[in-house]
Amino acid sequence: DKNKGLEIDVPINYYVDDDDTKGINVRWRSHGNLF
């Protein structure tokens, strides 16, 4: 969406410190597998 020029916010609570240059913080995998 960003490359299309669409208005899009950085995904909440996804990147480290909500900064899209700092990498992804995966925090859902264990509960997904358990579910």
PDB file of all heavy atoms in Angstrom:
ATOM      1  N   ASP A   1       0.826  -1.206   0.000  1.00  0.00           N
ATOM      2  CA  ASP A   1       0.000   0.000   0.000  1.00  0.00           C
ATOM      3  C   ASP A   1       0.863   1.261   0.000  1.00  0.00           C
ATOM      4  O   ASP A   1       0.542   2.250  -0.676  1.00  0.00           O
ATOM      5  CB  ASP A   1      -0.924   0.005   1.217  1.00  0.00           C
ATOM      6  CG  ASP A   1      -2.010  -1.054   1.124  1.00  0.00           C
ATOM      7  OD1 ASP A   1      -2.148  -1.668   0.043  1.00  0.00           O
ATOM      8  OD2 ASP A   1      -2.715  -1.282   2.118  1.00  0.00           O
ATOM      9  N   LYS A   2       1.973   1.219   0.726  1.00  0.00           N
ATOM     10  CA  LYS A   2       2.867   2.376   0.781  1.00  0.00           C
ATOM     11  C   LYS A   2       3.462   2.669  -0.594  1.00  0.00           C
ATOM     12  O   LYS A   2       3.532   3.826  -1.029  1.00  0.00           O
ATOM     13  CB  LYS A   2       3.981   2.110   1.795  1.00  0.00           C
ATOM     14  CG  LYS A   2       4.907   3.279   2.059  1.00  0.00           C
ATOM     15  CD  LYS A   2       5.926   2.926   3.136  1.00  0.00           C
ATOM     16  CE  LYS A   2       6.860   4.099   3.401  1.00  0.00           C
ATOM     17  NZ  LYS A   2       7.869   3.754   4.450  1.00  0.00           N
ATOM     18  N   ASN A   3       3.856   1.614  -1.311  1.00  0.00           N
ATOM     19  CA  ASN A   3       4.448   1.786  -2.645  1.00  0.00           C
ATOM     20  C   ASN A   3       3.421   2.246  -3.680  1.00  0.00           C
ATOM     21  O   ASN A   3       3.788   2.817  -4.708  1.00  0.00           O
ATOM     22  CB  ASN A   3       5.099   0.479  -3.106  1.00  0.00           C
ATOM     23  CG  ASN A   3       6.336   0.136  -2.287  1.00  0.00           C
ATOM     24  OD1 ASN A   3       6.969   1.019  -1.704  1.00  0.00           O
ATOM     25  ND2 ASN A   3       6.670  -1.142  -2.208  1.00  0.00           N
ATOM     26  N   LYS A   4       2.159   1.994  -3.397  1.00  0.00           N
ATOM     27  CA  LYS A   4       1.093   2.474  -4.280  1.00  0.00           C
ATOM     28  C   LYS A   4       0.729   3.928  -3.997  1.00  0.00           C
ATOM     29  O   LYS A   4      -0.099   4.515  -4.692  1.00  0.00           O
ATOM     30  CB  LYS A   4      -0.168   1.611  -4.118  1.00  0.00           C
ATOM     31  CG  LYS A   4      -0.071   0.221  -4.730  1.00  0.00           C
ATOM     32  CD  LYS A   4      -1.383  -0.526  -4.509  1.00  0.00           C
ATOM     33  CE  LYS A   4      -1.347  -1.917  -5.123  1.00  0.00           C
ATOM     34  NZ  LYS A   4      -2.622  -2.650  -4.862  1.00  0.00           N
ATOM     35  N   GLY A   5       1.351   4.495  -2.963  1.00  0.00           N
ATOM     36  CA  GLY A   5       1.049   5.874  -2.596  1.00  0.00           C
ATOM     37  C   GLY A   5      -0.204   6.006  -1.769  1.00  0.00           C
ATOM     38  O   GLY A   5      -0.725   7.112  -1.590  1.00  0.00           O
ATOM     39  N   LEU A   6      -0.710   4.898  -1.259  1.00  0.00           N
ATOM     40  CA  LEU A   6      -1.913   4.939  -0.428  1.00  0.00           C
ATOM     41  C   LEU A   6      -1.567   5.399   0.977  1.00  0.00           C
ATOM     42  O   LEU A   6      -0.442   5.225   1.464  1.00  0.00           O
ATOM     43  CB  LEU A   6      -2.568   3.554  -0.377  1.00  0.00           C
ATOM     44  CG  LEU A   6      -2.994   2.960  -1.723  1.00  0.00           C
ATOM     45  CD1 LEU A   6      -3.557   1.555  -1.521  1.00  0.00           C
ATOM     46  CD2 LEU A   6      -4.041   3.849  -2.400  1.00  0.00           C
ATOM     47  N   GLU A   7      -2.550   5.980   1.639  1.00  0.00           N
ATOM     48  CA  GLU A   7      -2.340   6.433   3.008  1.00  0.00           C
ATOM     49  C   GLU A   7      -2.426   5.222   3.933  1.00  0.00           C
ATOM     50  O   GLU A   7      -3.479   4.614   4.100  1.00  0.00           O
ATOM     51  CB  GLU A   7      -3.416   7.458   3.383  1.00  0.00           C
ATOM     52  CG  GLU A   7      -3.077   8.240   4.634  1.00  0.00           C
ATOM     53  CD  GLU A   7      -4.029   9.408   4.845  1.00  0.00           C
ATOM     54  OE1 GLU A   7      -4.316  10.127   3.870  1.00  0.00           O
ATOM     55  OE2 GLU A   7      -4.487   9.571   5.985  1.00  0.00           O
ATOM     56  N   ILE A   8      -1.320   4.851   4.544  1.00  0.00           N
ATOM     57  CA  ILE A   8      -1.274   3.665   5.394  1.00  0.00           C
ATOM     58  C   ILE A   8      -0.338   3.923   6.571  1.00  0.00           C
ATOM     59  O   ILE A   8       0.783   4.411   6.396  1.00  0.00           O
ATOM     60  CB  ILE A   8      -0.819   2.421   4.589  1.00  0.00           C
ATOM     61  CG1 ILE A   8      -0.795   1.165   5.473  1.00  0.00           C
ATOM     62  CG2 ILE A   8       0.540   2.651   3.939  1.00  0.00           C
ATOM     63  CD1 ILE A   8      -2.141   0.615   5.787  1.00  0.00           C
ATOM     64  N   ASP A   9      -0.807   3.654   7.773  1.00  0.00           N
ATOM     65  CA  ASP A   9       0.027   3.830   8.964  1.00  0.00           C
ATOM     66  C   ASP A   9       0.895   2.599   9.180  1.00  0.00           C
ATOM     67  O   ASP A   9       0.577   1.495   8.719  1.00  0.00           O
ATOM     68  CB  ASP A   9      -0.853   4.043  10.197  1.00  0.00           C
ATOM     69  CG  ASP A   9      -1.581   5.377  10.156  1.00  0.00           C
ATOM     70  OD1 ASP A   9      -1.049   6.316   9.551  1.00  0.00           O
ATOM     71  OD2 ASP A   9      -2.699   5.456  10.708  1.00  0.00           O
ATOM     72  N   VAL A  10       1.987   2.785   9.883  1.00  0.00           N
ATOM     73  CA  VAL A  10       2.829   1.648  10.280  1.00  0.00           C
ATOM     74  C   VAL A  10       1.987   0.714  11.136  1.00  0.00           C
ATOM     75  O   VAL A  10       1.252   1.166  12.023  1.00  0.00           O
ATOM     76  CB  VAL A  10       4.052   2.141  11.081  1.00  0.00           C
ATOM     77  CG1 VAL A  10       4.828   0.961  11.670  1.00  0.00           C
ATOM     78  CG2 VAL A  10       4.953   2.992  10.204  1.00  0.00           C
ATOM     79  N   PRO A  11       1.995  -0.597  10.863  1.00  0.00           N
ATOM     80  CA  PRO A  11       1.202  -1.514  11.683  1.00  0.00           C
ATOM     81  C   PRO A  11       1.550  -1.409  13.165  1.00  0.00           C
ATOM     82  O   PRO A  11       2.728  -1.400  13.537  1.00  0.00           O
ATOM     83  CB  PRO A  11       1.535  -2.900  11.117  1.00  0.00           C
ATOM     84  CG  PRO A  11       2.644  -2.712  10.142  1.00  0.00           C
ATOM     85  CD  PRO A  11       2.737  -1.275   9.797  1.00  0.00           C
ATOM     86  N   ILE A  12       0.524  -1.320  13.976  1.00  0.00           N
ATOM     87  CA  ILE A  12       0.684  -1.129  15.417  1.00  0.00           C
ATOM     88  C   ILE A  12       1.367  -2.335  16.061  1.00  0.00           C
ATOM     89  O   ILE A  12       1.037  -3.485  15.772  1.00  0.00           O
ATOM     90  CB  ILE A  12      -0.707  -0.912  16.060  1.00  0.00           C
ATOM     91  CG1 ILE A  12      -1.315   0.415  15.573  1.00  0.00           C
ATOM     92  CG2 ILE A  12      -0.626  -0.933  17.585  1.00  0.00           C
ATOM     93  CD1 ILE A  12      -2.762   0.602  15.972  1.00  0.00           C
ATOM     94  N   ASN A  13       2.359  -2.056  16.925  1.00  0.00           N
ATOM     95  CA  ASN A  13       2.928  -3.103  17.782  1.00  0.00           C
ATOM     96  C   ASN A  13       3.583  -4.230  16.995  1.00  0.00           C
ATOM     97  O   ASN A  13       3.677  -5.360  17.473  1.00  0.00           O
ATOM     98  CB  ASN A  13       1.814  -3.694  18.669  1.00  0.00           C
ATOM     99  CG  ASN A  13       2.264  -3.901  20.102  1.00  0.00           C
ATOM    100  OD1 ASN A  13       3.277  -3.374  20.526  1.00  0.00           O
ATOM    101  ND2 ASN A  13       1.498  -4.681  20.832  1.00  0.00           N
ATOM    102  N   TYR A  14       4.052  -3.907  15.790  1.00  0.00           N
ATOM    103  CA  TYR A  14       4.577  -4.931  14.881  1.00  0.00           C
ATOM    104  C   TYR A  14       6.092  -4.815  14.732  1.00  0.00           C
ATOM    105  O   TYR A  14       6.827  -5.778  14.937  1.00  0.00           O
ATOM    106  CB  TYR A  14       3.877  -4.783  13.538  1.00  0.00           C
ATOM    107  CG  TYR A  14       4.338  -5.711  12.437  1.00  0.00           C
ATOM    108  CD1 TYR A  14       4.300  -7.094  12.582  1.00  0.00           C
ATOM    109  CD2 TYR A  14       4.782  -5.184  11.217  1.00  0.00           C
ATOM    110  CE1 TYR A  14       4.691  -7.940  11.546  1.00  0.00           C
ATOM    111  CE2 TYR A  14       5.173  -6.016  10.175  1.00  0.00           C
ATOM    112  CZ  TYR A  14       5.130  -7.396  10.341  1.00  0.00           C
ATOM    113  OH  TYR A  14       5.525  -8.222   9.315  1.00  0.00           O
ATOM    114  N   TYR A  15       6.534  -3.624  14.394  1.00  0.00           N
ATOM    115  CA  TYR A  15       7.974  -3.375  14.320  1.00  0.00           C
ATOM    116  C   TYR A  15       8.518  -3.035  15.709  1.00  0.00           C
ATOM    117  O   TYR A  15       7.777  -2.531  16.575  1.00  0.00           O
ATOM    118  CB  TYR A  15       8.276  -2.213  13.373  1.00  0.00           C
ATOM    119  CG  TYR A  15       7.985  -2.498  11.922  1.00  0.00           C
ATOM    120  CD1 TYR A  15       6.910  -1.874  11.279  1.00  0.00           C
ATOM    121  CD2 TYR A  15       8.771  -3.379  11.192  1.00  0.00           C
ATOM    122  CE1 TYR A  15       6.643  -2.121   9.934  1.00  0.00           C
ATOM    123  CE2 TYR A  15       8.507  -3.633   9.855  1.00  0.00           C
ATOM    124  CZ  TYR A  15       7.439  -3.002   9.232  1.00  0.00           C
ATOM    125  OH  TYR A  15       7.178  -3.256   7.910  1.00  0.00           O
ATOM    126  N   VAL A  16       9.774  -3.288  15.918  1.00  0.00           N
ATOM    127  CA  VAL A  16      10.422  -2.904  17.168  1.00  0.00           C
ATOM    128  C   VAL A  16      10.305  -1.391  17.332  1.00  0.00           C
ATOM    129  O   VAL A  16      10.639  -0.625  16.415  1.00  0.00           O
ATOM    130  CB  VAL A  16      11.913  -3.327  17.168  1.00  0.00           C
ATOM    131  CG1 VAL A  16      12.613  -2.819  18.434  1.00  0.00           C
ATOM    132  CG2 VAL A  16      12.029  -4.847  17.050  1.00  0.00           C
ATOM    133  N   ASP A  17       9.764  -0.964  18.473  1.00  0.00           N
ATOM    134  CA  ASP A  17       9.546   0.464  18.767  1.00  0.00           C
ATOM    135  C   ASP A  17       8.653   1.135  17.726  1.00  0.00           C
ATOM    136  O   ASP A  17       8.716   2.363  17.540  1.00  0.00           O
ATOM    137  CB  ASP A  17      10.879   1.221  18.863  1.00  0.00           C
ATOM    138  CG  ASP A  17      11.764   0.724  19.986  1.00  0.00           C
ATOM    139  OD1 ASP A  17      11.216   0.265  21.005  1.00  0.00           O
ATOM    140  OD2 ASP A  17      12.995   0.759  19.831  1.00  0.00           O
ATOM    141  N   ASP A  18       7.814   0.358  17.018  1.00  0.00           N
ATOM    142  CA  ASP A  18       6.932   0.883  15.963  1.00  0.00           C
ATOM    143  C   ASP A  18       7.712   1.628  14.886  1.00  0.00           C
ATOM    144  O   ASP A  18       7.187   2.541  14.237  1.00  0.00           O
ATOM    145  CB  ASP A  18       5.845   1.799  16.562  1.00  0.00           C
ATOM    146  CG  ASP A  18       4.785   1.008  17.301  1.00  0.00           C
ATOM    147  OD1 ASP A  18       4.531  -0.152  16.918  1.00  0.00           O
ATOM    148  OD2 ASP A  18       4.201   1.547  18.261  1.00  0.00           O
ATOM    149  N   ASP A  19       8.937   1.213  14.679  1.00  0.00           N
ATOM    150  CA  ASP A  19       9.822   1.829  13.683  1.00  0.00           C
ATOM    151  C   ASP A  19      10.081   0.810  12.583  1.00  0.00           C
ATOM    152  O   ASP A  19      10.684  -0.251  12.839  1.00  0.00           O
ATOM    153  CB  ASP A  19      11.132   2.257  14.359  1.00  0.00           C
ATOM    154  CG  ASP A  19      12.076   2.997  13.426  1.00  0.00           C
ATOM    155  OD1 ASP A  19      11.976   2.825  12.181  1.00  0.00           O
ATOM    156  OD2 ASP A  19      12.950   3.733  13.940  1.00  0.00           O
ATOM    157  N   ASP A  20       9.644   1.114  11.357  1.00  0.00           N
ATOM    158  CA  ASP A  20       9.733   0.118  10.280  1.00  0.00           C
ATOM    159  C   ASP A  20      11.157  -0.097   9.758  1.00  0.00           C
ATOM    160  O   ASP A  20      11.359  -0.872   8.821  1.00  0.00           O
ATOM    161  CB  ASP A  20       8.792   0.470   9.130  1.00  0.00           C
ATOM    162  CG  ASP A  20       9.099   1.810   8.475  1.00  0.00           C
ATOM    163  OD1 ASP A  20      10.118   2.432   8.840  1.00  0.00           O
ATOM    164  OD2 ASP A  20       8.332   2.232   7.585  1.00  0.00           O
ATOM    165  N   THR A  21      12.134   0.549  10.408  1.00  0.00           N
ATOM    166  CA  THR A  21      13.531   0.300  10.040  1.00  0.00           C
ATOM    167  C   THR A  21      14.241  -0.611  11.055  1.00  0.00           C
ATOM    168  O   THR A  21      15.406  -0.960  10.868  1.00  0.00           O
ATOM    169  CB  THR A  21      14.314   1.623   9.940  1.00  0.00           C
ATOM    170  OG1 THR A  21      14.429   2.217  11.247  1.00  0.00           O
ATOM    171  CG2 THR A  21      13.630   2.590   8.992  1.00  0.00           C
ATOM    172  N   LYS A  22      13.534  -0.987  12.133  1.00  0.00           N
ATOM    173  CA  LYS A  22      14.187  -1.710  13.230  1.00  0.00           C
ATOM    174  C   LYS A  22      13.876  -3.210  13.273  1.00  0.00           C
ATOM    175  O   LYS A  22      14.313  -3.892  14.193  1.00  0.00           O
ATOM    176  CB  LYS A  22      13.802  -1.072  14.576  1.00  0.00           C
ATOM    177  CG  LYS A  22      14.418   0.299  14.800  1.00  0.00           C
ATOM    178  CD  LYS A  22      14.152   0.782  16.221  1.00  0.00           C
ATOM    179  CE  LYS A  22      14.871   2.092  16.506  1.00  0.00           C
ATOM    180  NZ  LYS A  22      14.655   2.545  17.898  1.00  0.00           N
ATOM    181  N   GLY A  23      13.137  -3.704  12.318  1.00  0.00           N
ATOM    182  CA  GLY A  23      12.855  -5.132  12.313  1.00  0.00           C
ATOM    183  C   GLY A  23      11.521  -5.496  12.942  1.00  0.00           C
ATOM    184  O   GLY A  23      10.886  -4.689  13.644  1.00  0.00           O
ATOM    185  N   ILE A  24      11.090  -6.720  12.696  1.00  0.00           N
ATOM    186  CA  ILE A  24       9.772  -7.206  13.113  1.00  0.00           C
ATOM    187  C   ILE A  24       9.883  -7.938  14.443  1.00  0.00           C
ATOM    188  O   ILE A  24      10.810  -8.721  14.660  1.00  0.00           O
ATOM    189  CB  ILE A  24       9.192  -8.140  12.039  1.00  0.00           C
ATOM    190  CG1 ILE A  24       8.985  -7.364  10.732  1.00  0.00           C
ATOM    191  CG2 ILE A  24       7.902  -8.790  12.501  1.00  0.00           C
ATOM    192  CD1 ILE A  24       8.805  -8.255   9.523  1.00  0.00           C
ATOM    193  N   ASN A  25       8.921  -7.695  15.306  1.00  0.00           N
ATOM    194  CA  ASN A  25       8.855  -8.373  16.593  1.00  0.00           C
ATOM    195  C   ASN A  25       7.707  -9.387  16.545  1.00  0.00           C
ATOM    196  O   ASN A  25       6.549  -9.034  16.736  1.00  0.00           O
ATOM    197  CB  ASN A  25       8.637  -7.356  17.718  1.00  0.00           C
ATOM    198  CG  ASN A  25       8.726  -7.988  19.092  1.00  0.00           C
ATOM    199  OD1 ASN A  25       9.102  -9.141  19.235  1.00  0.00           O
ATOM    200  ND2 ASN A  25       8.360  -7.221  20.113  1.00  0.00           N
ATOM    201  N   VAL A  26       8.016 -10.650  16.265  1.00  0.00           N
ATOM    202  CA  VAL A  26       6.982 -11.684  16.189  1.00  0.00           C
ATOM    203  C   VAL A  26       6.593 -12.098  17.604  1.00  0.00           C
ATOM    204  O   VAL A  26       7.429 -12.583  18.365  1.00  0.00           O
ATOM    205  CB  VAL A  26       7.488 -12.918  15.395  1.00  0.00           C
ATOM    206  CG1 VAL A  26       6.442 -14.025  15.415  1.00  0.00           C
ATOM    207  CG2 VAL A  26       7.813 -12.520  13.960  1.00  0.00           C
ATOM    208  N   ARG A  27       5.309 -11.919  17.940  1.00  0.00           N
ATOM    209  CA  ARG A  27       4.881 -12.221  19.308  1.00  0.00           C
ATOM    210  C   ARG A  27       3.566 -13.002  19.347  1.00  0.00           C
ATOM    211  O   ARG A  27       2.930 -13.103  20.395  1.00  0.00           O
ATOM    212  CB  ARG A  27       4.756 -10.928  20.118  1.00  0.00           C
ATOM    213  CG  ARG A  27       3.737  -9.964  19.579  1.00  0.00           C
ATOM    214  CD  ARG A  27       3.704  -8.686  20.413  1.00  0.00           C
ATOM    215  NE  ARG A  27       4.772  -7.784  20.039  1.00  0.00           N
ATOM    216  CZ  ARG A  27       5.206  -6.777  20.793  1.00  0.00           C
ATOM    217  NH1 ARG A  27       4.681  -6.573  21.977  1.00  0.00           N
ATOM    218  NH2 ARG A  27       6.172  -5.982  20.378  1.00  0.00           N
ATOM    219  N   TRP A  28       3.145 -13.552  18.185  1.00  0.00           N
ATOM    220  CA  TRP A  28       1.870 -14.264  18.128  1.00  0.00           C
ATOM    221  C   TRP A  28       2.013 -15.757  17.839  1.00  0.00           C
ATOM    222  O   TRP A  28       1.044 -16.508  17.914  1.00  0.00           O
ATOM    223  CB  TRP A  28       0.979 -13.634  17.058  1.00  0.00           C
ATOM    224  CG  TRP A  28       1.529 -13.734  15.655  1.00  0.00           C
ATOM    225  CD1 TRP A  28       1.343 -14.747  14.758  1.00  0.00           C
ATOM    226  CD2 TRP A  28       2.368 -12.782  14.991  1.00  0.00           C
ATOM    227  NE1 TRP A  28       2.000 -14.492  13.576  1.00  0.00           N
ATOM    228  CE2 TRP A  28       2.639 -13.283  13.688  1.00  0.00           C
ATOM    229  CE3 TRP A  28       2.914 -11.549  15.348  1.00  0.00           C
ATOM    230  CZ2 TRP A  28       3.433 -12.600  12.771  1.00  0.00           C
ATOM    231  CZ3 TRP A  28       3.703 -10.873  14.440  1.00  0.00           C
ATOM    232  CH2 TRP A  28       3.961 -11.390  13.171  1.00  0.00           C
ATOM    233  N   ARG A  29       3.202 -16.210  17.500  1.00  0.00           N
ATOM    234  CA  ARG A  29       3.356 -17.559  16.969  1.00  0.00           C
ATOM    235  C   ARG A  29       3.025 -18.645  17.999  1.00  0.00           C
ATOM    236  O   ARG A  29       2.355 -19.627  17.696  1.00  0.00           O
ATOM    237  CB  ARG A  29       4.779 -17.735  16.445  1.00  0.00           C
ATOM    238  CG  ARG A  29       4.989 -19.001  15.628  1.00  0.00           C
ATOM    239  CD  ARG A  29       6.362 -18.990  14.980  1.00  0.00           C
ATOM    240  NE  ARG A  29       6.456 -17.990  13.917  1.00  0.00           N
ATOM    241  CZ  ARG A  29       7.549 -17.292  13.629  1.00  0.00           C
ATOM    242  NH1 ARG A  29       8.645 -17.463  14.345  1.00  0.00           N
ATOM    243  NH2 ARG A  29       7.556 -16.420  12.636  1.00  0.00           N
ATOM    244  N   SER A  30       3.491 -18.495  19.230  1.00  0.00           N
ATOM    245  CA  SER A  30       3.291 -19.555  20.229  1.00  0.00           C
ATOM    246  C   SER A  30       1.813 -19.729  20.559  1.00  0.00           C
ATOM    247  O   SER A  30       1.318 -20.854  20.652  1.00  0.00           O
ATOM    248  CB  SER A  30       4.094 -19.260  21.501  1.00  0.00           C
ATOM    249  OG  SER A  30       3.720 -18.019  22.061  1.00  0.00           O
ATOM    250  N   HIS A  31       1.088 -18.623  20.724  1.00  0.00           N
ATOM    251  CA  HIS A  31      -0.334 -18.742  21.026  1.00  0.00           C
ATOM    252  C   HIS A  31      -1.125 -19.227  19.815  1.00  0.00           C
ATOM    253  O   HIS A  31      -2.134 -19.924  19.965  1.00  0.00           O
ATOM    254  CB  HIS A  31      -0.887 -17.407  21.532  1.00  0.00           C
ATOM    255  CG  HIS A  31      -0.565 -17.148  22.969  1.00  0.00           C
ATOM    256  ND1 HIS A  31       0.470 -16.343  23.367  1.00  0.00           N
ATOM    257  CD2 HIS A  31      -1.128 -17.618  24.112  1.00  0.00           C
ATOM    258  CE1 HIS A  31       0.519 -16.305  24.692  1.00  0.00           C
ATOM    259  NE2 HIS A  31      -0.435 -17.073  25.164  1.00  0.00           N
ATOM    260  N   GLY A  32      -0.685 -18.884  18.626  1.00  0.00           N
ATOM    261  CA  GLY A  32      -1.344 -19.392  17.433  1.00  0.00           C
ATOM    262  C   GLY A  32      -1.230 -20.908  17.352  1.00  0.00           C
ATOM    263  O   GLY A  32      -2.217 -21.610  17.085  1.00  0.00           O
ATOM    264  N   ASN A  33      -0.021 -21.421  17.588  1.00  0.00           N
ATOM    265  CA  ASN A  33       0.162 -22.872  17.579  1.00  0.00           C
ATOM    266  C   ASN A  33      -0.647 -23.545  18.678  1.00  0.00           C
ATOM    267  O   ASN A  33      -1.253 -24.599  18.461  1.00  0.00           O
ATOM    268  CB  ASN A  33       1.646 -23.212  17.746  1.00  0.00           C
ATOM    269  CG  ASN A  33       2.429 -23.051  16.455  1.00  0.00           C
ATOM    270  OD1 ASN A  33       2.063 -23.585  15.423  1.00  0.00           O
ATOM    271  ND2 ASN A  33       3.515 -22.296  16.506  1.00  0.00           N
ATOM    272  N   LEU A  34      -0.679 -22.932  19.863  1.00  0.00           N
ATOM    273  CA  LEU A  34      -1.428 -23.508  20.972  1.00  0.00           C
ATOM    274  C   LEU A  34      -2.923 -23.507  20.688  1.00  0.00           C
ATOM    275  O   LEU A  34      -3.628 -24.483  20.993  1.00  0.00           O
ATOM    276  CB  LEU A  34      -1.124 -22.740  22.259  1.00  0.00           C
ATOM    277  CG  LEU A  34      -1.819 -23.224  23.532  1.00  0.00           C
ATOM    278  CD1 LEU A  34      -1.531 -24.695  23.791  1.00  0.00           C
ATOM    279  CD2 LEU A  34      -1.375 -22.361  24.727  1.00  0.00           C
ATOM    280  N   PHE A  35      -3.408 -22.436  20.084  1.00  0.00           N
ATOM    281  CA  PHE A  35      -4.837 -22.356  19.762  1.00  0.00           C
ATOM    282  C   PHE A  35      -5.237 -23.469  18.797  1.00  0.00           C
ATOM    283  O   PHE A  35      -6.242 -24.162  19.019  1.00  0.00           O
ATOM    284  CB  PHE A  35      -5.159 -20.991  19.153  1.00  0.00           C
ATOM    285  CG  PHE A  35      -6.581 -20.860  18.694  1.00  0.00           C
ATOM    286  CD1 PHE A  35      -7.600 -20.640  19.608  1.00  0.00           C
ATOM    287  CD2 PHE A  35      -6.912 -20.960  17.348  1.00  0.00           C
ATOM    288  CE1 PHE A  35      -8.921 -20.530  19.192  1.00  0.00           C
ATOM    289  CE2 PHE A  35      -8.228 -20.851  16.927  1.00  0.00           C
ATOM    290  CZ  PHE A  35      -9.231 -20.637  17.853  1.00  0.00           C
TER     291      PHE A  35
END
